[in-house]
N, C-alpha and C. Protein backbone atom coordinates (compact mmCIF):
# COMPACT_ATOMS: atom_id res chain seq x y z
N MET A 1 27.00 -8.15 16.33
CA MET A 1 26.05 -7.91 15.03
C MET A 1 25.24 -6.90 15.46
N THR A 2 24.87 -5.73 14.25
CA THR A 2 23.74 -4.71 14.61
C THR A 2 22.38 -5.15 13.95
N GLU A 3 21.42 -4.99 14.81
CA GLU A 3 19.96 -5.37 14.35
C GLU A 3 19.31 -4.26 14.47
N LYS A 4 18.36 -3.86 13.27
CA LYS A 4 17.66 -3.00 13.04
C LYS A 4 16.25 -3.37 12.40
N GLU A 5 15.24 -2.89 12.77
CA GLU A 5 14.10 -3.04 12.06
C GLU A 5 13.72 -2.19 11.11
N VAL A 6 13.35 -2.34 10.00
CA VAL A 6 12.75 -1.42 8.65
C VAL A 6 11.32 -1.75 8.70
N SER A 7 10.97 -0.28 8.76
CA SER A 7 9.51 -0.34 8.44
C SER A 7 9.12 0.32 6.93
N ILE A 8 8.41 -0.49 6.15
CA ILE A 8 8.24 -0.29 4.90
C ILE A 8 6.82 0.05 4.57
N ASP A 9 6.52 1.29 4.20
CA ASP A 9 5.05 1.70 3.66
C ASP A 9 4.93 1.34 2.44
N LEU A 10 3.98 0.79 2.17
CA LEU A 10 3.44 0.35 0.92
C LEU A 10 2.20 1.22 0.31
N PRO A 11 2.58 2.14 -0.77
CA PRO A 11 1.90 3.30 -1.23
C PRO A 11 0.64 2.88 -2.06
N SER A 12 -0.39 3.56 -1.98
CA SER A 12 -1.41 3.29 -2.64
C SER A 12 -1.35 4.15 -3.96
N ASP A 13 -1.93 3.93 -4.91
CA ASP A 13 -1.65 4.56 -6.29
C ASP A 13 -2.39 6.08 -6.07
N GLU A 14 -2.50 6.77 -7.33
CA GLU A 14 -2.84 8.27 -7.56
C GLU A 14 -4.28 8.44 -7.00
N ASN A 15 -5.07 7.10 -7.41
CA ASN A 15 -6.48 7.22 -7.03
C ASN A 15 -6.87 6.72 -5.72
N GLY A 16 -5.94 6.23 -4.77
CA GLY A 16 -6.26 6.00 -3.50
C GLY A 16 -6.30 4.40 -3.40
N MET A 17 -6.07 3.62 -4.48
CA MET A 17 -6.39 2.58 -4.39
C MET A 17 -5.06 1.53 -4.13
N PHE A 18 -5.18 0.46 -3.32
CA PHE A 18 -4.23 -0.18 -2.69
C PHE A 18 -4.31 -1.75 -3.47
N PRO A 19 -3.35 -2.19 -3.89
CA PRO A 19 -3.22 -3.42 -4.68
C PRO A 19 -3.35 -4.61 -3.44
N ARG A 20 -4.02 -5.63 -3.84
CA ARG A 20 -4.15 -6.89 -3.19
C ARG A 20 -4.02 -8.02 -4.11
N GLN A 21 -3.68 -9.25 -3.43
CA GLN A 21 -3.48 -10.39 -4.34
C GLN A 21 -4.00 -11.51 -3.44
N CYS A 22 -4.92 -12.67 -4.17
CA CYS A 22 -5.36 -13.66 -3.19
C CYS A 22 -4.44 -14.59 -2.91
N PRO A 23 -4.24 -15.08 -1.76
CA PRO A 23 -3.35 -15.97 -1.18
C PRO A 23 -3.66 -17.24 -1.73
N ASN A 24 -5.01 -17.46 -2.25
CA ASN A 24 -5.55 -19.08 -2.65
C ASN A 24 -5.55 -19.11 -4.17
N CYS A 25 -5.99 -17.96 -5.03
CA CYS A 25 -6.02 -17.99 -6.42
C CYS A 25 -5.18 -17.37 -7.08
N ASP A 26 -4.37 -16.45 -6.39
CA ASP A 26 -3.34 -15.24 -6.97
C ASP A 26 -4.25 -14.14 -7.90
N GLY A 27 -5.53 -14.13 -7.68
CA GLY A 27 -6.23 -13.04 -8.50
C GLY A 27 -5.64 -11.87 -7.92
N LYS A 28 -5.50 -10.59 -8.75
CA LYS A 28 -5.09 -9.30 -8.26
C LYS A 28 -6.36 -8.62 -8.33
N PHE A 29 -6.34 -7.53 -7.32
CA PHE A 29 -7.33 -6.69 -7.42
C PHE A 29 -7.01 -5.40 -6.45
N ALA A 30 -7.81 -4.33 -6.35
CA ALA A 30 -7.34 -3.45 -5.58
C ALA A 30 -8.61 -2.91 -4.90
N ILE A 31 -8.45 -2.10 -3.64
CA ILE A 31 -9.33 -1.49 -3.11
C ILE A 31 -9.00 -0.42 -2.78
N HIS A 32 -10.07 0.51 -2.26
CA HIS A 32 -9.80 2.03 -1.85
C HIS A 32 -9.54 1.96 -0.45
N SER A 33 -7.96 2.53 -0.40
CA SER A 33 -7.23 2.55 0.99
C SER A 33 -7.93 3.03 1.92
N ASP A 34 -8.22 4.31 1.96
CA ASP A 34 -8.81 5.21 2.95
C ASP A 34 -10.31 4.64 3.55
N THR A 35 -10.91 4.26 2.35
CA THR A 35 -12.44 3.55 2.88
C THR A 35 -12.28 2.35 3.94
N TYR A 36 -10.93 1.71 3.27
CA TYR A 36 -10.96 0.23 3.97
C TYR A 36 -10.67 1.01 5.69
N GLN A 37 -9.72 1.58 5.65
CA GLN A 37 -9.11 1.95 6.96
C GLN A 37 -10.20 2.75 7.62
N ASP A 38 -10.92 3.67 7.28
CA ASP A 38 -11.90 4.08 7.92
C ASP A 38 -13.06 3.17 8.48
N GLU A 39 -13.38 2.36 7.77
CA GLU A 39 -14.43 1.30 8.31
C GLU A 39 -13.93 0.26 8.84
N HIS A 40 -12.70 0.06 9.30
CA HIS A 40 -12.16 -1.26 10.14
C HIS A 40 -12.50 -2.30 9.91
N TYR A 41 -12.57 -2.46 8.54
CA TYR A 41 -12.73 -3.84 8.28
C TYR A 41 -11.86 -4.98 8.82
N LEU A 42 -12.08 -6.06 9.12
CA LEU A 42 -11.09 -7.15 9.80
C LEU A 42 -10.34 -8.08 8.72
N ASN A 43 -11.05 -8.14 7.52
CA ASN A 43 -10.53 -9.19 6.70
C ASN A 43 -11.06 -8.70 5.14
N LEU A 44 -10.36 -9.44 4.14
CA LEU A 44 -10.97 -9.33 2.69
C LEU A 44 -11.40 -10.42 2.37
N ARG A 45 -12.43 -10.44 1.33
CA ARG A 45 -12.85 -11.52 0.37
C ARG A 45 -12.39 -11.35 -0.79
N CYS A 46 -11.54 -12.65 -1.57
CA CYS A 46 -11.35 -12.27 -2.94
C CYS A 46 -12.30 -12.12 -3.68
N PRO A 47 -12.50 -11.18 -4.69
CA PRO A 47 -13.61 -11.05 -5.56
C PRO A 47 -13.81 -11.90 -6.53
N TYR A 48 -12.71 -12.79 -6.84
CA TYR A 48 -12.76 -13.85 -7.90
C TYR A 48 -13.08 -15.45 -7.12
N CYS A 49 -12.56 -15.72 -6.19
CA CYS A 49 -12.89 -17.08 -5.49
C CYS A 49 -13.51 -16.90 -4.16
N GLY A 50 -13.56 -16.08 -3.66
CA GLY A 50 -14.47 -15.99 -2.38
C GLY A 50 -13.46 -16.41 -0.97
N TRP A 51 -12.31 -16.45 -1.48
CA TRP A 51 -11.41 -16.70 -0.15
C TRP A 51 -11.54 -15.44 0.73
N ILE A 52 -11.59 -15.69 2.07
CA ILE A 52 -11.50 -14.86 3.40
C ILE A 52 -10.38 -14.92 3.73
N GLU A 53 -9.59 -13.91 3.95
CA GLU A 53 -8.29 -13.74 4.82
C GLU A 53 -8.22 -12.51 5.69
N GLU A 54 -7.16 -12.25 6.34
CA GLU A 54 -6.78 -11.09 7.01
C GLU A 54 -6.18 -10.29 6.07
N PHE A 55 -6.30 -8.91 6.09
CA PHE A 55 -5.80 -7.97 5.23
C PHE A 55 -4.49 -8.08 4.67
N ASP A 56 -3.66 -8.49 5.78
CA ASP A 56 -2.21 -8.32 5.33
C ASP A 56 -1.59 -9.58 4.70
N GLN A 57 -2.60 -10.73 4.50
CA GLN A 57 -2.29 -11.93 3.66
C GLN A 57 -2.44 -11.77 2.18
N PHE A 58 -3.08 -10.61 1.89
CA PHE A 58 -3.32 -10.52 0.36
C PHE A 58 -2.29 -9.67 -0.37
N LEU A 59 -0.91 -9.76 0.41
CA LEU A 59 0.12 -9.08 -0.48
C LEU A 59 0.33 -9.56 -1.81
N THR A 60 0.82 -8.38 -2.82
CA THR A 60 0.84 -8.85 -4.12
C THR A 60 2.39 -9.18 -4.32
N ASP A 61 2.64 -9.67 -5.60
CA ASP A 61 3.86 -10.27 -6.08
C ASP A 61 4.96 -8.73 -6.28
N GLU A 62 4.12 -7.84 -6.67
CA GLU A 62 4.55 -6.50 -6.81
C GLU A 62 5.06 -5.67 -5.84
N GLN A 63 4.26 -5.69 -4.45
CA GLN A 63 4.45 -5.19 -3.31
C GLN A 63 5.69 -6.00 -2.74
N ALA A 64 5.67 -7.40 -2.76
CA ALA A 64 6.75 -8.53 -2.23
C ALA A 64 7.92 -7.66 -2.91
N ASP A 65 8.11 -7.77 -4.16
CA ASP A 65 9.58 -7.34 -4.86
C ASP A 65 9.64 -6.07 -4.48
N TYR A 66 8.75 -5.01 -4.29
CA TYR A 66 9.29 -3.59 -3.92
C TYR A 66 9.49 -3.75 -2.52
N SER A 67 9.17 -4.50 -1.48
CA SER A 67 9.58 -4.32 -0.14
C SER A 67 10.82 -5.01 0.06
N HIS A 68 11.23 -5.95 -0.69
CA HIS A 68 12.69 -6.73 -0.94
C HIS A 68 13.53 -5.76 -1.45
N SER A 69 13.27 -4.82 -2.35
CA SER A 69 14.14 -3.98 -2.76
C SER A 69 14.33 -2.79 -1.95
N VAL A 70 13.28 -2.41 -1.33
CA VAL A 70 13.60 -1.09 -0.42
C VAL A 70 14.37 -1.64 0.78
N ALA A 71 14.01 -2.82 1.42
CA ALA A 71 14.83 -3.57 2.48
C ALA A 71 16.28 -3.73 2.17
N GLU A 72 16.55 -4.41 0.85
CA GLU A 72 17.94 -4.24 0.36
C GLU A 72 18.68 -3.15 0.34
N GLY A 73 18.10 -1.84 -0.35
CA GLY A 73 18.65 -0.65 -0.22
C GLY A 73 19.09 -0.08 1.14
N GLU A 74 17.95 -0.46 2.31
CA GLU A 74 18.46 -0.05 3.47
C GLU A 74 19.57 -1.22 4.23
N LEU A 75 19.43 -2.17 3.78
CA LEU A 75 20.84 -3.05 4.05
C LEU A 75 21.83 -2.66 3.56
N ARG A 76 22.08 -2.17 2.49
CA ARG A 76 23.46 -1.71 1.62
C ARG A 76 23.60 -0.49 2.39
N ARG A 77 23.07 0.82 2.89
CA ARG A 77 23.01 2.06 3.65
C ARG A 77 23.66 1.30 4.94
N MET A 78 23.22 0.39 5.65
CA MET A 78 23.67 0.08 7.03
C MET A 78 25.22 -0.42 6.62
N ALA A 79 25.31 -1.43 5.67
CA ALA A 79 26.44 -1.96 5.48
C ALA A 79 27.93 -1.08 5.44
N GLU A 80 27.35 0.10 4.37
CA GLU A 80 28.08 1.06 4.11
C GLU A 80 28.54 1.90 5.32
N LYS A 81 27.45 1.97 6.16
CA LYS A 81 28.03 2.84 7.50
C LYS A 81 28.98 2.02 8.37
N GLU A 82 28.37 0.74 8.42
CA GLU A 82 29.24 -0.14 9.21
C GLU A 82 30.73 -0.37 8.85
N LEU A 83 30.98 -0.32 7.52
CA LEU A 83 32.17 -0.47 6.86
C LEU A 83 33.18 0.63 7.14
N SER A 84 32.35 2.09 7.19
CA SER A 84 32.71 3.17 7.21
C SER A 84 33.41 3.49 8.64
N ASP A 85 32.54 3.09 9.52
CA ASP A 85 32.74 3.18 10.75
C ASP A 85 33.82 2.47 11.53
N ALA A 86 34.29 0.93 10.80
CA ALA A 86 34.87 0.00 11.10
C ALA A 86 36.48 0.51 10.55
N LEU A 87 36.50 1.17 9.44
CA LEU A 87 37.44 1.52 8.75
C LEU A 87 38.04 2.69 9.62
N GLU A 88 37.05 3.57 10.08
CA GLU A 88 37.85 4.75 10.61
C GLU A 88 38.14 4.52 12.22
N ASP A 89 37.73 3.39 12.57
CA ASP A 89 38.09 3.06 14.04
C ASP A 89 39.26 2.31 13.70
N ALA A 90 39.66 1.62 12.83
CA ALA A 90 40.90 0.59 12.59
C ALA A 90 42.10 1.68 11.96
N PHE A 91 41.78 2.67 11.22
CA PHE A 91 42.82 3.37 10.58
C PHE A 91 42.96 4.77 11.04
N GLY A 92 41.88 5.44 11.43
CA GLY A 92 41.58 6.80 11.88
C GLY A 92 42.96 7.42 12.54
N GLY A 93 43.19 6.83 13.64
CA GLY A 93 44.27 7.27 14.40
C GLY A 93 45.70 6.96 13.96
N ILE A 94 45.95 6.37 12.93
CA ILE A 94 47.01 6.02 12.52
C ILE A 94 47.73 7.25 11.35
N SER A 95 48.85 7.52 11.80
CA SER A 95 49.61 8.73 11.00
C SER A 95 50.36 8.02 10.07
N SER A 96 50.62 9.03 9.02
CA SER A 96 51.59 8.60 7.92
C SER A 96 52.98 8.80 8.12
N ASN A 97 53.78 8.20 7.81
CA ASN A 97 55.19 8.28 8.04
C ASN A 97 55.64 8.33 6.45
N SER A 98 57.21 8.16 6.50
CA SER A 98 57.92 8.43 5.10
C SER A 98 57.82 7.44 4.15
N SER A 99 57.39 6.08 4.83
CA SER A 99 57.65 4.81 3.99
C SER A 99 55.77 4.44 3.75
N ILE A 100 55.22 4.97 4.53
CA ILE A 100 53.74 4.69 4.20
C ILE A 100 52.67 6.01 4.27
N ASN A 101 52.12 5.81 3.13
CA ASN A 101 51.11 7.32 3.14
C ASN A 101 49.58 6.45 3.32
N LEU A 102 48.90 6.86 4.21
CA LEU A 102 47.73 6.36 4.65
C LEU A 102 46.57 7.33 4.46
N GLU A 103 45.78 7.05 3.69
CA GLU A 103 44.29 7.81 3.85
C GLU A 103 43.39 7.08 3.91
N THR A 104 42.46 7.80 4.98
CA THR A 104 41.21 7.15 5.42
C THR A 104 39.87 7.47 4.78
N ASP A 105 39.75 7.95 3.57
CA ASP A 105 38.58 8.69 3.24
C ASP A 105 37.57 7.67 3.05
N SER A 106 36.68 7.41 3.94
CA SER A 106 35.42 6.32 4.09
C SER A 106 34.25 6.87 3.30
N SER A 107 34.38 8.13 3.08
CA SER A 107 33.13 8.66 2.44
C SER A 107 32.74 8.42 1.17
N GLU A 108 33.52 7.63 0.32
CA GLU A 108 33.21 7.19 -0.91
C GLU A 108 32.80 5.82 -0.75
N ILE A 109 32.64 5.07 0.44
CA ILE A 109 31.93 3.91 0.06
C ILE A 109 30.49 3.83 -0.37
N ASP A 110 30.37 3.11 -1.46
CA ASP A 110 28.85 3.12 -1.80
C ASP A 110 28.78 1.78 -2.70
N PHE A 111 27.92 1.00 -2.10
CA PHE A 111 27.28 -0.29 -2.47
C PHE A 111 26.37 -0.25 -3.73
N GLY A 112 25.86 1.09 -3.91
CA GLY A 112 25.01 1.09 -4.98
C GLY A 112 23.45 1.08 -4.10
N GLU A 113 22.61 1.36 -5.24
CA GLU A 113 21.10 1.18 -4.48
C GLU A 113 20.61 0.12 -5.61
N PRO A 114 19.75 -0.59 -5.05
CA PRO A 114 19.07 -1.85 -5.89
C PRO A 114 17.88 -0.96 -6.81
N GLU A 115 17.54 -1.44 -7.84
CA GLU A 115 16.28 -0.66 -8.87
C GLU A 115 14.93 -1.33 -8.02
N THR A 116 14.29 -0.01 -7.61
CA THR A 116 13.16 -0.38 -6.89
C THR A 116 11.79 -0.23 -7.94
N PRO A 117 11.23 -1.42 -7.89
CA PRO A 117 10.07 -1.67 -8.69
C PRO A 117 8.80 -1.10 -8.19
N SER A 118 7.96 -0.86 -9.12
CA SER A 118 6.65 -0.58 -8.73
C SER A 118 5.74 -1.37 -7.90
N PRO A 119 5.36 -0.97 -6.66
CA PRO A 119 4.35 -1.87 -5.83
C PRO A 119 2.96 -1.69 -6.35
N HIS A 120 2.58 -1.15 -7.26
CA HIS A 120 1.40 -1.14 -7.97
C HIS A 120 1.19 -1.98 -9.06
N LEU A 121 -0.08 -2.37 -9.28
CA LEU A 121 -0.56 -3.59 -9.96
C LEU A 121 0.28 -3.52 -11.47
N SER A 122 0.38 -4.69 -11.94
CA SER A 122 1.01 -4.69 -13.39
C SER A 122 0.00 -5.15 -14.51
N ILE A 123 -1.40 -5.23 -14.01
CA ILE A 123 -2.46 -5.61 -14.77
C ILE A 123 -3.38 -4.54 -15.34
N GLU A 124 -4.30 -4.48 -16.37
CA GLU A 124 -5.11 -3.75 -16.68
C GLU A 124 -6.45 -4.04 -15.77
N THR A 125 -6.86 -2.80 -15.37
CA THR A 125 -8.06 -2.90 -14.35
C THR A 125 -9.32 -2.22 -14.68
N LYS A 126 -10.60 -2.50 -14.03
CA LYS A 126 -11.63 -1.67 -14.18
C LYS A 126 -12.32 -1.41 -12.84
N ARG A 127 -12.96 -0.45 -12.69
CA ARG A 127 -13.56 -0.03 -11.27
C ARG A 127 -15.04 -0.97 -11.48
N ILE A 128 -15.45 -1.32 -9.81
CA ILE A 128 -16.73 -1.92 -9.86
C ILE A 128 -17.00 -1.24 -8.37
N THR A 129 -18.14 -0.76 -8.53
CA THR A 129 -18.91 -0.22 -7.19
C THR A 129 -19.93 -1.39 -6.77
N CYS A 130 -19.69 -1.93 -5.59
CA CYS A 130 -20.52 -2.75 -5.01
C CYS A 130 -21.82 -2.25 -5.12
N PRO A 131 -23.05 -2.83 -5.59
CA PRO A 131 -24.30 -2.28 -5.39
C PRO A 131 -24.99 -2.44 -4.12
N ASP A 132 -24.46 -3.14 -3.06
CA ASP A 132 -25.16 -3.60 -2.04
C ASP A 132 -24.66 -2.64 -0.79
N CYS A 133 -23.11 -2.15 -0.94
CA CYS A 133 -22.51 -1.45 0.15
C CYS A 133 -21.98 -0.07 -0.39
N GLY A 134 -21.62 0.06 -1.53
CA GLY A 134 -21.09 1.06 -2.18
C GLY A 134 -19.59 1.23 -2.20
N PHE A 135 -18.80 0.08 -2.06
CA PHE A 135 -17.42 -0.01 -1.69
C PHE A 135 -16.77 -0.01 -3.35
N ASN A 136 -15.91 0.61 -3.44
CA ASN A 136 -15.21 0.91 -4.59
C ASN A 136 -14.06 -0.09 -4.59
N PHE A 137 -13.76 -0.85 -5.75
CA PHE A 137 -12.63 -1.57 -6.00
C PHE A 137 -12.35 -1.74 -7.47
N LEU A 138 -11.21 -2.26 -7.61
CA LEU A 138 -10.63 -2.79 -9.03
C LEU A 138 -10.46 -4.12 -9.13
N VAL A 139 -10.94 -4.52 -10.14
CA VAL A 139 -10.61 -6.01 -10.93
C VAL A 139 -9.72 -6.01 -12.06
N LYS A 140 -9.62 -6.97 -12.64
CA LYS A 140 -8.74 -7.18 -14.25
C LYS A 140 -9.84 -6.91 -14.81
N GLN A 141 -9.12 -6.35 -16.11
CA GLN A 141 -10.15 -5.96 -16.97
C GLN A 141 -11.08 -6.71 -17.69
N ASP A 142 -10.63 -8.22 -17.76
CA ASP A 142 -11.22 -9.15 -18.54
C ASP A 142 -12.27 -9.79 -17.55
N ALA A 143 -12.62 -9.33 -16.30
CA ALA A 143 -13.39 -10.01 -15.26
C ALA A 143 -14.56 -9.74 -15.75
N GLU A 144 -15.64 -10.66 -15.69
CA GLU A 144 -17.04 -10.32 -15.73
C GLU A 144 -17.59 -9.87 -14.43
N GLU A 145 -18.24 -8.76 -14.56
CA GLU A 145 -19.00 -8.20 -13.38
C GLU A 145 -19.62 -9.17 -12.57
N GLU A 146 -20.48 -10.05 -13.19
CA GLU A 146 -21.55 -10.70 -12.55
C GLU A 146 -20.87 -11.94 -11.54
N GLN A 147 -19.49 -12.24 -12.25
CA GLN A 147 -18.60 -13.18 -11.67
C GLN A 147 -17.74 -12.68 -10.32
N VAL A 148 -17.79 -11.41 -10.18
CA VAL A 148 -17.05 -11.01 -9.00
C VAL A 148 -17.75 -10.61 -7.82
N SER A 149 -17.42 -10.74 -6.70
CA SER A 149 -18.05 -10.19 -5.25
C SER A 149 -17.12 -8.98 -4.83
N CYS A 150 -17.76 -8.43 -3.91
CA CYS A 150 -17.43 -7.35 -3.02
C CYS A 150 -16.36 -8.05 -2.25
N PRO A 151 -15.27 -7.13 -2.07
CA PRO A 151 -14.18 -7.64 -1.16
C PRO A 151 -14.35 -7.37 0.42
N VAL A 152 -15.67 -6.60 0.51
CA VAL A 152 -15.92 -6.22 1.94
C VAL A 152 -16.98 -6.55 2.62
N CYS A 153 -18.18 -6.83 1.94
CA CYS A 153 -19.69 -7.16 2.37
C CYS A 153 -19.64 -8.62 2.18
N ARG A 154 -20.34 -9.26 3.03
CA ARG A 154 -20.79 -10.61 2.93
C ARG A 154 -22.12 -10.96 2.41
């Protein structure tokens, strides 16, 4: 069996915002990706419930669906190649005779591509700038600013 590790890059949106979802309350928000990486923060705090966890634990449903779809597409491409190689190995050296006409055109093997959903938030958001540290983040549109906290400062 062939094993292959697939690295999936999750993109930020056109404004550099990277979606996150709290593993505790499922609240969705976004942080400015470059600022977060430049400052080397170790974890995030949910702006809604205050849950603190490592950055990678805040994967959104949209990102999970996106990652699954990208991995499925890669798996299909791997299966196409494996099947093509197996058919070529099995039948590539066989010549046709008068009773059997054998063609081994494996270039047409195609398992299709899954529809890849967007990895971005599927909710309306508004931008908040933390008055204490200046960090920019997005929260759901109907969140009261007084009731949300900065994902990075404590």
